[in-house]
Amino acid sequence: MVTDPIADYLTRIRNANSAGHRVVEIPASNLKKEMTKILFDQGYILSYKFEDDALQGTIKIALKYDQVTKEPVIKKLERISKPGLRKYAGSPELPRVLNGLGIAIVSTSHGVMTSKQAKKENVGGEVLCYVY
């Protein structure tokens, strides 16, 4: 049993990136699906596919690499809010990652979104992770 499914999700992507894999398969949950959609919309992954099995289902993510240097597009995935120490931020103090070049994924009362979207909608929430 995994005690922190979000950290497991980020670690699977991080490991597949460093190993040079094209596709990574992750057990699905609604939060992971929303995070995957954000990564796709922001251009960090090539594509994704949700497969519903009998119980949980899986998410297949096609990772994105630079065409010339073969470097992964995702340089770093960093878990911020952990089960032992949750990190919350109101709308004014939502983080900017790498001066706006990266994204922070935030779980708000209006759903999972980037910190830029949350500032625009004037909502705060739990800062899940940084991606750049």
C-alpha atoms as a PDB file:
ATOM      1  CA  MET A   1       0.000   0.000   0.000  1.00  0.00           C
ATOM      2  CA  VAL A   2       1.292   3.440  -0.941  1.00  0.00           C
ATOM      3  CA  THR A   3       0.996   6.023   1.836  1.00  0.00           C
ATOM      4  CA  ASP A   4       1.465   9.064  -0.407  1.00  0.00           C
ATOM      5  CA  PRO A   5      -0.039   8.457  -3.860  1.00  0.00           C
ATOM      6  CA  ILE A   6       0.935  11.898  -5.213  1.00  0.00           C
ATOM      7  CA  ALA A   7       4.599  11.375  -4.312  1.00  0.00           C
ATOM      8  CA  ASP A   8       4.388   7.943  -5.966  1.00  0.00           C
ATOM      9  CA  TYR A   9       2.904   9.565  -9.114  1.00  0.00           C
ATOM     10  CA  LEU A  10       5.684  12.170  -9.263  1.00  0.00           C
ATOM     11  CA  THR A  11       8.395   9.587  -8.565  1.00  0.00           C
ATOM     12  CA  ARG A  12       7.176   7.274 -11.337  1.00  0.00           C
ATOM     13  CA  ILE A  13       7.312  10.155 -13.837  1.00  0.00           C
ATOM     14  CA  ARG A  14      10.722  11.279 -12.523  1.00  0.00           C
ATOM     15  CA  ASN A  15      12.169   7.748 -12.769  1.00  0.00           C
ATOM     16  CA  ALA A  16      10.771   7.136 -16.266  1.00  0.00           C
ATOM     17  CA  ASN A  17      12.219  10.496 -17.382  1.00  0.00           C
ATOM     18  CA  SER A  18      15.687   9.711 -16.052  1.00  0.00           C
ATOM     19  CA  ALA A  19      15.600   6.214 -17.598  1.00  0.00           C
ATOM     20  CA  GLY A  20      14.550   7.637 -20.983  1.00  0.00           C
ATOM     21  CA  HIS A  21      11.246   5.768 -21.212  1.00  0.00           C
ATOM     22  CA  ARG A  22       8.640   6.947 -23.706  1.00  0.00           C
ATOM     23  CA  VAL A  23       5.571   5.833 -21.710  1.00  0.00           C
ATOM     24  CA  VAL A  24       4.925   5.467 -18.001  1.00  0.00           C
ATOM     25  CA  GLU A  25       1.952   3.638 -16.461  1.00  0.00           C
ATOM     26  CA  ILE A  26       0.511   4.893 -13.157  1.00  0.00           C
ATOM     27  CA  PRO A  27      -2.437   3.709 -11.017  1.00  0.00           C
ATOM     28  CA  ALA A  28      -5.304   6.158 -11.493  1.00  0.00           C
ATOM     29  CA  SER A  29      -7.214   8.410  -9.105  1.00  0.00           C
ATOM     30  CA  ASN A  30      -9.270  11.516  -9.740  1.00  0.00           C
ATOM     31  CA  LEU A  31      -6.547  13.806  -8.354  1.00  0.00           C
ATOM     32  CA  LYS A  32      -3.855  12.155 -10.501  1.00  0.00           C
ATOM     33  CA  LYS A  33      -6.090  12.490 -13.573  1.00  0.00           C
ATOM     34  CA  GLU A  34      -6.488  16.218 -12.954  1.00  0.00           C
ATOM     35  CA  MET A  35      -2.739  16.637 -12.412  1.00  0.00           C
ATOM     36  CA  THR A  36      -2.098  14.767 -15.682  1.00  0.00           C
ATOM     37  CA  LYS A  37      -4.481  17.076 -17.554  1.00  0.00           C
ATOM     38  CA  ILE A  38      -2.611  20.101 -16.161  1.00  0.00           C
ATOM     39  CA  LEU A  39       0.777  18.668 -17.193  1.00  0.00           C
ATOM     40  CA  PHE A  40      -0.594  18.095 -20.713  1.00  0.00           C
ATOM     41  CA  ASP A  41      -2.199  21.556 -20.976  1.00  0.00           C
ATOM     42  CA  GLN A  42       1.052  23.219 -19.843  1.00  0.00           C
ATOM     43  CA  GLY A  43       3.099  21.248 -22.399  1.00  0.00           C
ATOM     44  CA  TYR A  44       5.132  19.061 -20.022  1.00  0.00           C
ATOM     45  CA  ILE A  45       3.912  15.722 -21.430  1.00  0.00           C
ATOM     46  CA  LEU A  46       3.206  14.570 -24.983  1.00  0.00           C
ATOM     47  CA  SER A  47      -0.121  12.799 -24.387  1.00  0.00           C
ATOM     48  CA  TYR A  48      -2.053  10.724 -21.883  1.00  0.00           C
ATOM     49  CA  LYS A  49      -4.688   8.009 -21.845  1.00  0.00           C
ATOM     50  CA  PHE A  50      -7.009   6.935 -19.047  1.00  0.00           C
ATOM     51  CA  GLU A  51      -7.733   3.201 -19.031  1.00  0.00           C
ATOM     52  CA  ASP A  52     -10.534   1.965 -16.778  1.00  0.00           C
ATOM     53  CA  ASP A  53      -9.966  -1.519 -15.413  1.00  0.00           C
ATOM     54  CA  ALA A  54     -12.283  -3.403 -13.083  1.00  0.00           C
ATOM     55  CA  LEU A  55     -11.025  -1.739  -9.906  1.00  0.00           C
ATOM     56  CA  GLN A  56      -8.825   1.313 -10.144  1.00  0.00           C
ATOM     57  CA  GLY A  57      -7.736   1.916 -13.702  1.00  0.00           C
ATOM     58  CA  THR A  58      -4.431   3.263 -14.976  1.00  0.00           C
ATOM     59  CA  ILE A  59      -3.041   6.407 -16.541  1.00  0.00           C
ATOM     60  CA  LYS A  60      -0.626   5.993 -19.446  1.00  0.00           C
ATOM     61  CA  ILE A  61       1.521   9.084 -19.936  1.00  0.00           C
ATOM     62  CA  ALA A  62       3.691   9.631 -23.017  1.00  0.00           C
ATOM     63  CA  LEU A  63       6.692  11.648 -21.856  1.00  0.00           C
ATOM     64  CA  LYS A  64       8.059  14.559 -23.851  1.00  0.00           C
ATOM     65  CA  TYR A  65      11.727  14.983 -24.805  1.00  0.00           C
ATOM     66  CA  ASP A  66      13.663  17.689 -26.653  1.00  0.00           C
ATOM     67  CA  GLN A  67      14.046  16.609 -30.290  1.00  0.00           C
ATOM     68  CA  VAL A  68      17.636  17.809 -30.648  1.00  0.00           C
ATOM     69  CA  THR A  69      19.296  17.069 -27.297  1.00  0.00           C
ATOM     70  CA  LYS A  70      16.968  14.219 -26.205  1.00  0.00           C
ATOM     71  CA  GLU A  71      16.705  15.913 -22.772  1.00  0.00           C
ATOM     72  CA  PRO A  72      13.404  15.454 -20.898  1.00  0.00           C
ATOM     73  CA  VAL A  73      11.092  18.495 -20.943  1.00  0.00           C
ATOM     74  CA  ILE A  74      10.387  18.051 -17.220  1.00  0.00           C
ATOM     75  CA  LYS A  75      13.570  19.105 -15.444  1.00  0.00           C
ATOM     76  CA  LYS A  76      12.243  18.746 -11.906  1.00  0.00           C
ATOM     77  CA  LEU A  77       9.138  17.489 -10.117  1.00  0.00           C
ATOM     78  CA  GLU A  78       9.108  18.534  -6.474  1.00  0.00           C
ATOM     79  CA  ARG A  79       6.499  17.491  -3.892  1.00  0.00           C
ATOM     80  CA  ILE A  80       5.662  20.425  -1.617  1.00  0.00           C
ATOM     81  CA  SER A  81       2.729  19.483   0.613  1.00  0.00           C
ATOM     82  CA  LYS A  82       3.404  16.149   2.297  1.00  0.00           C
ATOM     83  CA  PRO A  83       1.125  13.975   4.456  1.00  0.00           C
ATOM     84  CA  GLY A  84       3.200  14.859   7.534  1.00  0.00           C
ATOM     85  CA  LEU A  85       3.286  18.599   6.802  1.00  0.00           C
ATOM     86  CA  ARG A  86       0.606  20.110   4.603  1.00  0.00           C
ATOM     87  CA  LYS A  87       1.401  23.435   2.897  1.00  0.00           C
ATOM     88  CA  TYR A  88      -1.466  25.804   2.254  1.00  0.00           C
ATOM     89  CA  ALA A  89      -1.386  29.221   0.625  1.00  0.00           C
ATOM     90  CA  GLY A  90      -3.988  31.919   0.248  1.00  0.00           C
ATOM     91  CA  SER A  91      -4.534  33.652  -3.061  1.00  0.00           C
ATOM     92  CA  PRO A  92      -2.031  36.513  -2.453  1.00  0.00           C
ATOM     93  CA  GLU A  93       0.814  34.239  -1.304  1.00  0.00           C
ATOM     94  CA  LEU A  94       0.562  31.526  -3.982  1.00  0.00           C
ATOM     95  CA  PRO A  95       4.081  30.665  -5.203  1.00  0.00           C
ATOM     96  CA  ARG A  96       5.707  31.589  -8.518  1.00  0.00           C
ATOM     97  CA  VAL A  97       8.015  28.827  -9.693  1.00  0.00           C
ATOM     98  CA  LEU A  98      11.265  29.900 -11.401  1.00  0.00           C
ATOM     99  CA  ASN A  99       9.931  33.448 -11.774  1.00  0.00           C
ATOM    100  CA  GLY A 100       6.927  32.222 -13.768  1.00  0.00           C
ATOM    101  CA  LEU A 101       8.743  29.690 -15.981  1.00  0.00           C
ATOM    102  CA  GLY A 102       7.530  26.676 -13.990  1.00  0.00           C
ATOM    103  CA  ILE A 103       4.139  25.814 -12.527  1.00  0.00           C
ATOM    104  CA  ALA A 104       2.818  25.045  -9.078  1.00  0.00           C
ATOM    105  CA  ILE A 105      -0.137  22.630  -8.972  1.00  0.00           C
ATOM    106  CA  VAL A 106      -2.667  23.660  -6.319  1.00  0.00           C
ATOM    107  CA  SER A 107      -5.687  21.789  -4.971  1.00  0.00           C
ATOM    108  CA  THR A 108      -8.415  24.381  -4.325  1.00  0.00           C
ATOM    109  CA  SER A 109     -12.103  24.369  -3.485  1.00  0.00           C
ATOM    110  CA  HIS A 110     -12.673  25.028  -7.213  1.00  0.00           C
ATOM    111  CA  GLY A 111     -10.673  21.952  -8.245  1.00  0.00           C
ATOM    112  CA  VAL A 112      -7.039  21.218  -9.107  1.00  0.00           C
ATOM    113  CA  MET A 113      -5.335  24.022 -11.054  1.00  0.00           C
ATOM    114  CA  THR A 114      -2.084  25.899 -11.539  1.00  0.00           C
ATOM    115  CA  SER A 115      -1.165  28.705  -9.166  1.00  0.00           C
ATOM    116  CA  LYS A 116      -1.644  31.225 -12.007  1.00  0.00           C
ATOM    117  CA  GLN A 117      -5.235  30.068 -12.507  1.00  0.00           C
ATOM    118  CA  ALA A 118      -5.862  30.097  -8.758  1.00  0.00           C
ATOM    119  CA  LYS A 119      -4.598  33.693  -8.495  1.00  0.00           C
ATOM    120  CA  LYS A 120      -6.845  34.667 -11.398  1.00  0.00           C
ATOM    121  CA  GLU A 121      -9.866  33.050  -9.700  1.00  0.00           C
ATOM    122  CA  ASN A 122      -8.773  34.517  -6.328  1.00  0.00           C
ATOM    123  CA  VAL A 123      -8.724  31.176  -4.460  1.00  0.00           C
ATOM    124  CA  GLY A 124      -6.063  29.561  -2.311  1.00  0.00           C
ATOM    125  CA  GLY A 125      -5.463  25.956  -1.413  1.00  0.00           C
ATOM    126  CA  GLU A 126      -2.976  23.175  -0.823  1.00  0.00           C
ATOM    127  CA  VAL A 127       0.229  23.511  -2.853  1.00  0.00           C
ATOM    128  CA  LEU A 128       0.792  19.972  -4.154  1.00  0.00           C
ATOM    129  CA  CYS A 129       3.961  20.227  -6.251  1.00  0.00           C
ATOM    130  CA  TYR A 130       6.266  22.326  -8.416  1.00  0.00           C
ATOM    131  CA  VAL A 131       7.000  21.374 -12.021  1.00  0.00           C
ATOM    132  CA  TYR A 132       9.728  22.914 -14.207  1.00  0.00           C
END
